[in-house]
PDB file of all heavy atoms in Angstrom:
ATOM      1  N   LEU A   1       0.864  -1.204   0.004  1.00  0.00           N
ATOM      2  CA  LEU A   1      -0.042   0.028  -0.014  1.00  0.00           C
ATOM      3  C   LEU A   1       0.867   1.308  -0.016  1.00  0.00           C
ATOM      4  O   LEU A   1       1.716   1.433   0.783  1.00  0.00           O
ATOM      5  CB  LEU A   1      -0.889   0.050   1.245  1.00  0.00           C
ATOM      6  CG  LEU A   1      -1.852  -1.164   1.396  1.00  0.00           C
ATOM      7  CD1 LEU A   1      -2.724  -0.852   2.641  1.00  0.00           C
ATOM      8  CD2 LEU A   1      -2.643  -1.341   0.000  1.00  0.00           C
ATOM      9  N   GLY A   2       0.567   2.174  -0.926  1.00  0.00           N
ATOM     10  CA  GLY A   2       1.190   3.534  -0.896  1.00  0.00           C
ATOM     11  C   GLY A   2       0.028   4.537  -1.352  1.00  0.00           C
ATOM     12  O   GLY A   2      -1.096   4.241  -1.028  1.00  0.00           O
ATOM     13  N   ASP A   3       0.413   5.582  -1.971  1.00  0.00           N
ATOM     14  CA  ASP A   3      -0.471   6.494  -2.427  1.00  0.00           C
ATOM     15  C   ASP A   3      -1.412   5.809  -3.373  1.00  0.00           C
ATOM     16  O   ASP A   3      -1.061   4.932  -4.226  1.00  0.00           O
ATOM     17  CB  ASP A   3       0.076   7.592  -3.087  1.00  0.00           C
ATOM     18  CG  ASP A   3       0.453   8.862  -2.341  1.00  0.00           C
ATOM     19  OD1 ASP A   3       0.320   8.628  -1.113  1.00  0.00           O
ATOM     20  OD2 ASP A   3       0.746   9.829  -2.826  1.00  0.00           O
ATOM     21  N   ILE A   4      -2.788   6.171  -3.400  1.00  0.00           N
ATOM     22  CA  ILE A   4      -3.738   5.663  -4.142  1.00  0.00           C
ATOM     23  C   ILE A   4      -3.474   5.916  -5.656  1.00  0.00           C
ATOM     24  O   ILE A   4      -3.793   5.070  -6.608  1.00  0.00           O
ATOM     25  CB  ILE A   4      -5.192   6.170  -3.839  1.00  0.00           C
ATOM     26  CG1 ILE A   4      -6.267   5.197  -4.527  1.00  0.00           C
ATOM     27  CG2 ILE A   4      -5.359   7.563  -4.340  1.00  0.00           C
ATOM     28  CD1 ILE A   4      -7.608   5.617  -3.946  1.00  0.00           C
ATOM     29  N   THR A   5      -2.655   6.821  -6.042  1.00  0.00           N
ATOM     30  CA  THR A   5      -2.212   7.175  -7.395  1.00  0.00           C
ATOM     31  C   THR A   5      -1.197   6.366  -8.000  1.00  0.00           C
ATOM     32  O   THR A   5      -1.028   6.435  -9.134  1.00  0.00           O
ATOM     33  CB  THR A   5      -1.854   8.612  -7.402  1.00  0.00           C
ATOM     34  OG1 THR A   5      -0.669   8.880  -6.643  1.00  0.00           O
ATOM     35  CG2 THR A   5      -2.870   9.595  -7.065  1.00  0.00           C
ATOM     36  N   ILE A   6      -0.430   5.624  -7.203  1.00  0.00           N
ATOM     37  CA  ILE A   6       0.689   4.919  -7.651  1.00  0.00           C
ATOM     38  C   ILE A   6       0.727   3.448  -7.305  1.00  0.00           C
ATOM     39  O   ILE A   6       1.501   2.623  -7.760  1.00  0.00           O
ATOM     40  CB  ILE A   6       2.095   5.452  -7.054  1.00  0.00           C
ATOM     41  CG1 ILE A   6       2.060   5.426  -5.593  1.00  0.00           C
ATOM     42  CG2 ILE A   6       2.324   6.896  -7.580  1.00  0.00           C
ATOM     43  CD1 ILE A   6       3.361   5.789  -4.990  1.00  0.00           C
ATOM     44  N   THR A   7      -0.321   3.055  -6.445  1.00  0.00           N
ATOM     45  CA  THR A   7      -0.412   1.560  -6.017  1.00  0.00           C
ATOM     46  C   THR A   7      -1.173   0.798  -6.939  1.00  0.00           C
ATOM     47  O   THR A   7      -2.381   0.965  -6.965  1.00  0.00           O
ATOM     48  CB  THR A   7      -0.952   1.527  -4.595  1.00  0.00           C
ATOM     49  OG1 THR A   7      -0.110   2.315  -3.724  1.00  0.00           O
ATOM     50  CG2 THR A   7      -0.920   0.131  -4.121  1.00  0.00           C
ATOM     51  N   GLY A   8      -0.482  -0.133  -7.664  1.00  0.00           N
ATOM     52  CA  GLY A   8      -1.225  -1.046  -8.604  1.00  0.00           C
ATOM     53  C   GLY A   8      -1.709  -2.338  -7.852  1.00  0.00           C
ATOM     54  O   GLY A   8      -1.007  -2.925  -7.008  1.00  0.00           O
ATOM     55  N   GLY A   9      -2.906  -2.830  -8.288  1.00  0.00           N
ATOM     56  CA  GLY A   9      -3.387  -3.975  -7.721  1.00  0.00           C
ATOM     57  C   GLY A   9      -3.180  -5.200  -8.727  1.00  0.00           C
ATOM     58  O   GLY A   9      -2.819  -4.909  -9.939  1.00  0.00           O
ATOM     59  N   ILE A  10      -3.498  -6.384  -8.206  1.00  0.00           N
ATOM     60  CA  ILE A  10      -3.376  -7.555  -9.081  1.00  0.00           C
ATOM     61  C   ILE A  10      -4.721  -8.299  -9.059  1.00  0.00           C
ATOM     62  O   ILE A  10      -5.449  -8.213  -8.071  1.00  0.00           O
ATOM     63  CB  ILE A  10      -2.329  -8.490  -8.649  1.00  0.00           C
ATOM     64  CG1 ILE A  10      -2.623  -8.951  -7.154  1.00  0.00           C
ATOM     65  CG2 ILE A  10      -0.864  -7.872  -8.608  1.00  0.00           C
ATOM     66  CD1 ILE A  10      -1.731 -10.163  -6.591  1.00  0.00           C
ATOM     67  N   GLU A  11      -5.145  -8.862 -10.155  1.00  0.00           N
ATOM     68  CA  GLU A  11      -6.267  -9.663 -10.168  1.00  0.00           C
ATOM     69  C   GLU A  11      -6.188 -10.836  -9.293  1.00  0.00           C
ATOM     70  O   GLU A  11      -5.133 -11.602  -9.393  1.00  0.00           O
ATOM     71  CB  GLU A  11      -6.718  -9.992 -11.653  1.00  0.00           C
ATOM     72  CG  GLU A  11      -6.971  -8.881 -12.593  1.00  0.00           C
ATOM     73  CD  GLU A  11      -7.421  -9.377 -13.868  1.00  0.00           C
ATOM     74  OE1 GLU A  11      -8.687  -9.982 -13.900  1.00  0.00           O
ATOM     75  OE2 GLU A  11      -6.766  -9.239 -14.941  1.00  0.00           O
ATOM     76  N   SER A  12      -7.130 -11.071  -8.536  1.00  0.00           N
ATOM     77  CA  SER A  12      -7.022 -12.107  -7.418  1.00  0.00           C
ATOM     78  C   SER A  12      -8.322 -12.535  -6.934  1.00  0.00           C
ATOM     79  O   SER A  12      -9.313 -11.787  -6.920  1.00  0.00           O
ATOM     80  CB  SER A  12      -6.154 -11.603  -6.332  1.00  0.00           C
ATOM     81  OG  SER A  12      -6.146 -12.462  -5.225  1.00  0.00           O
ATOM     82  N   ASP A  13      -8.403 -13.767  -6.419  1.00  0.00           N
ATOM     83  CA  ASP A  13      -9.650 -14.257  -5.686  1.00  0.00           C
ATOM     84  C   ASP A  13      -9.299 -14.523  -4.231  1.00  0.00           C
ATOM     85  O   ASP A  13     -10.004 -15.094  -3.472  1.00  0.00           O
ATOM     86  CB  ASP A  13     -10.065 -15.555  -6.341  1.00  0.00           C
ATOM     87  CG  ASP A  13     -10.713 -15.384  -7.781  1.00  0.00           C
ATOM     88  OD1 ASP A  13     -11.486 -14.409  -7.968  1.00  0.00           O
ATOM     89  OD2 ASP A  13     -10.433 -16.134  -8.595  1.00  0.00           O
ATOM     90  N   ALA A  14      -8.057 -14.010  -3.860  1.00  0.00           N
ATOM     91  CA  ALA A  14      -7.658 -14.286  -2.437  1.00  0.00           C
ATOM     92  C   ALA A  14      -8.341 -13.474  -1.435  1.00  0.00           C
ATOM     93  O   ALA A  14      -7.920 -12.317  -1.237  1.00  0.00           O
ATOM     94  CB  ALA A  14      -6.103 -14.142  -2.421  1.00  0.00           C
ATOM     95  N   ASP A  15      -9.427 -13.933  -0.891  1.00  0.00           N
ATOM     96  CA  ASP A  15     -10.231 -12.952   0.014  1.00  0.00           C
ATOM     97  C   ASP A  15     -10.060 -13.503   1.511  1.00  0.00           C
ATOM     98  O   ASP A  15     -10.764 -13.042   2.303  1.00  0.00           O
ATOM     99  CB  ASP A  15     -11.693 -12.954  -0.401  1.00  0.00           C
ATOM    100  CG  ASP A  15     -12.193 -14.310  -0.564  1.00  0.00           C
ATOM    101  OD1 ASP A  15     -11.532 -15.315  -0.258  1.00  0.00           O
ATOM    102  OD2 ASP A  15     -13.388 -14.392  -0.974  1.00  0.00           O
ATOM    103  N   THR A  16      -9.108 -14.368   1.786  1.00  0.00           N
ATOM    104  CA  THR A  16      -8.881 -14.799   3.133  1.00  0.00           C
ATOM    105  C   THR A  16      -7.202 -14.904   3.390  1.00  0.00           C
ATOM    106  O   THR A  16      -6.603 -14.998   2.292  1.00  0.00           O
ATOM    107  CB  THR A  16      -9.465 -16.185   3.377  1.00  0.00           C
ATOM    108  OG1 THR A  16      -8.749 -17.209   2.610  1.00  0.00           O
ATOM    109  CG2 THR A  16     -10.952 -16.286   3.194  1.00  0.00           C
ATOM    110  N   LEU A  17      -6.851 -14.900   4.555  1.00  0.00           N
ATOM    111  CA  LEU A  17      -5.450 -14.997   4.838  1.00  0.00           C
ATOM    112  C   LEU A  17      -4.866 -16.286   4.171  1.00  0.00           C
ATOM    113  O   LEU A  17      -3.706 -16.305   3.814  1.00  0.00           O
ATOM    114  CB  LEU A  17      -5.179 -14.907   6.387  1.00  0.00           C
ATOM    115  CG  LEU A  17      -5.378 -13.465   6.955  1.00  0.00           C
ATOM    116  CD1 LEU A  17      -5.145 -13.546   8.489  1.00  0.00           C
ATOM    117  CD2 LEU A  17      -4.329 -12.487   6.388  1.00  0.00           C
ATOM    118  N   GLU A  18      -5.672 -17.350   4.457  1.00  0.00           N
ATOM    119  CA  GLU A  18      -5.139 -18.616   3.851  1.00  0.00           C
ATOM    120  C   GLU A  18      -4.924 -18.618   2.339  1.00  0.00           C
ATOM    121  O   GLU A  18      -3.864 -19.113   1.950  1.00  0.00           O
ATOM    122  CB  GLU A  18      -6.189 -19.811   4.254  1.00  0.00           C
ATOM    123  CG  GLU A  18      -6.280 -20.234   5.649  1.00  0.00           C
ATOM    124  CD  GLU A  18      -7.116 -19.212   6.477  1.00  0.00           C
ATOM    125  OE1 GLU A  18      -7.701 -18.266   5.997  1.00  0.00           O
ATOM    126  OE2 GLU A  18      -7.032 -19.308   7.811  1.00  0.00           O
ATOM    127  N   LYS A  19      -5.869 -17.911   1.652  1.00  0.00           N
ATOM    128  CA  LYS A  19      -5.745 -17.809   0.225  1.00  0.00           C
ATOM    129  C   LYS A  19      -4.529 -16.916  -0.162  1.00  0.00           C
ATOM    130  O   LYS A  19      -3.838 -17.190  -1.141  1.00  0.00           O
ATOM    131  CB  LYS A  19      -6.970 -17.447  -0.360  1.00  0.00           C
ATOM    132  CG  LYS A  19      -8.091 -18.325  -0.361  1.00  0.00           C
ATOM    133  CD  LYS A  19      -9.382 -17.838  -1.044  1.00  0.00           C
ATOM    134  CE  LYS A  19     -10.576 -18.742  -0.951  1.00  0.00           C
ATOM    135  NZ  LYS A  19     -11.780 -18.170  -1.522  1.00  0.00           N
ATOM    136  N   ILE A  20      -4.361 -15.920   0.646  1.00  0.00           N
ATOM    137  CA  ILE A  20      -3.216 -14.930   0.396  1.00  0.00           C
ATOM    138  C   ILE A  20      -1.865 -15.709   0.465  1.00  0.00           C
ATOM    139  O   ILE A  20      -1.013 -15.505  -0.344  1.00  0.00           O
ATOM    140  CB  ILE A  20      -3.281 -13.697   1.290  1.00  0.00           C
ATOM    141  CG1 ILE A  20      -4.458 -12.835   0.856  1.00  0.00           C
ATOM    142  CG2 ILE A  20      -1.895 -12.865   1.204  1.00  0.00           C
ATOM    143  CD1 ILE A  20      -4.716 -11.632   1.913  1.00  0.00           C
ATOM    144  N   VAL A  21      -1.713 -16.523   1.615  1.00  0.00           N
ATOM    145  CA  VAL A  21      -0.560 -17.254   1.765  1.00  0.00           C
ATOM    146  C   VAL A  21      -0.255 -18.190   0.621  1.00  0.00           C
ATOM    147  O   VAL A  21       0.901 -18.266   0.065  1.00  0.00           O
ATOM    148  CB  VAL A  21      -0.637 -18.136   3.123  1.00  0.00           C
ATOM    149  CG1 VAL A  21       0.540 -19.050   3.207  1.00  0.00           C
ATOM    150  CG2 VAL A  21      -0.565 -17.041   4.244  1.00  0.00           C
ATOM    151  N   GLN A  22      -1.389 -18.799   0.133  1.00  0.00           N
ATOM    152  CA  GLN A  22      -1.137 -19.701  -0.978  1.00  0.00           C
ATOM    153  C   GLN A  22      -0.743 -18.913  -2.232  1.00  0.00           C
ATOM    154  O   GLN A  22       0.219 -19.414  -3.100  1.00  0.00           O
ATOM    155  CB  GLN A  22      -2.479 -20.563  -1.229  1.00  0.00           C
ATOM    156  CG  GLN A  22      -2.814 -21.572  -0.155  1.00  0.00           C
ATOM    157  CD  GLN A  22      -4.202 -22.216  -0.405  1.00  0.00           C
ATOM    158  OE1 GLN A  22      -4.854 -21.844  -1.430  1.00  0.00           O
ATOM    159  NE2 GLN A  22      -4.597 -23.007   0.470  1.00  0.00           N
ATOM    160  N   GLU A  23      -1.417 -17.843  -2.506  1.00  0.00           N
ATOM    161  CA  GLU A  23      -1.112 -16.984  -3.642  1.00  0.00           C
ATOM    162  C   GLU A  23       0.342 -16.414  -3.637  1.00  0.00           C
ATOM    163  O   GLU A  23       1.050 -16.503  -4.587  1.00  0.00           O
ATOM    164  CB  GLU A  23      -2.164 -15.856  -3.741  1.00  0.00           C
ATOM    165  CG  GLU A  23      -1.928 -15.020  -5.036  1.00  0.00           C
ATOM    166  CD  GLU A  23      -2.951 -13.891  -5.140  1.00  0.00           C
ATOM    167  OE1 GLU A  23      -2.767 -12.856  -4.470  1.00  0.00           O
ATOM    168  OE2 GLU A  23      -3.992 -14.016  -5.797  1.00  0.00           O
ATOM    169  N   VAL A  24       0.790 -15.951  -2.454  1.00  0.00           N
ATOM    170  CA  VAL A  24       2.086 -15.376  -2.418  1.00  0.00           C
ATOM    171  C   VAL A  24       3.205 -16.456  -2.629  1.00  0.00           C
ATOM    172  O   VAL A  24       4.201 -16.255  -3.169  1.00  0.00           O
ATOM    173  CB  VAL A  24       2.333 -14.690  -1.016  1.00  0.00           C
ATOM    174  CG1 VAL A  24       3.737 -14.281  -0.769  1.00  0.00           C
ATOM    175  CG2 VAL A  24       1.435 -13.409  -0.808  1.00  0.00           C
ATOM    176  N   SER A  25       2.948 -17.689  -2.110  1.00  0.00           N
ATOM    177  CA  SER A  25       3.868 -18.824  -2.339  1.00  0.00           C
ATOM    178  C   SER A  25       4.165 -19.091  -3.744  1.00  0.00           C
ATOM    179  O   SER A  25       5.193 -19.648  -4.011  1.00  0.00           O
ATOM    180  CB  SER A  25       3.364 -20.030  -1.583  1.00  0.00           C
ATOM    181  OG  SER A  25       2.229 -20.497  -2.238  1.00  0.00           O
ATOM    182  N   ALA A  26       3.181 -18.730  -4.650  1.00  0.00           N
ATOM    183  CA  ALA A  26       3.400 -19.108  -6.056  1.00  0.00           C
ATOM    184  C   ALA A  26       3.882 -17.875  -6.864  1.00  0.00           C
ATOM    185  O   ALA A  26       4.138 -17.953  -8.036  1.00  0.00           O
ATOM    186  CB  ALA A  26       2.108 -19.567  -6.693  1.00  0.00           C
TER     187      ALA A  26
END
């Protein structure tokens, strides 16, 4: 997270901590 003007998001279905951990691992 940074300024809303420079922070890019990624397409993702990770809506829980468990899914985020799985996503980051790959």
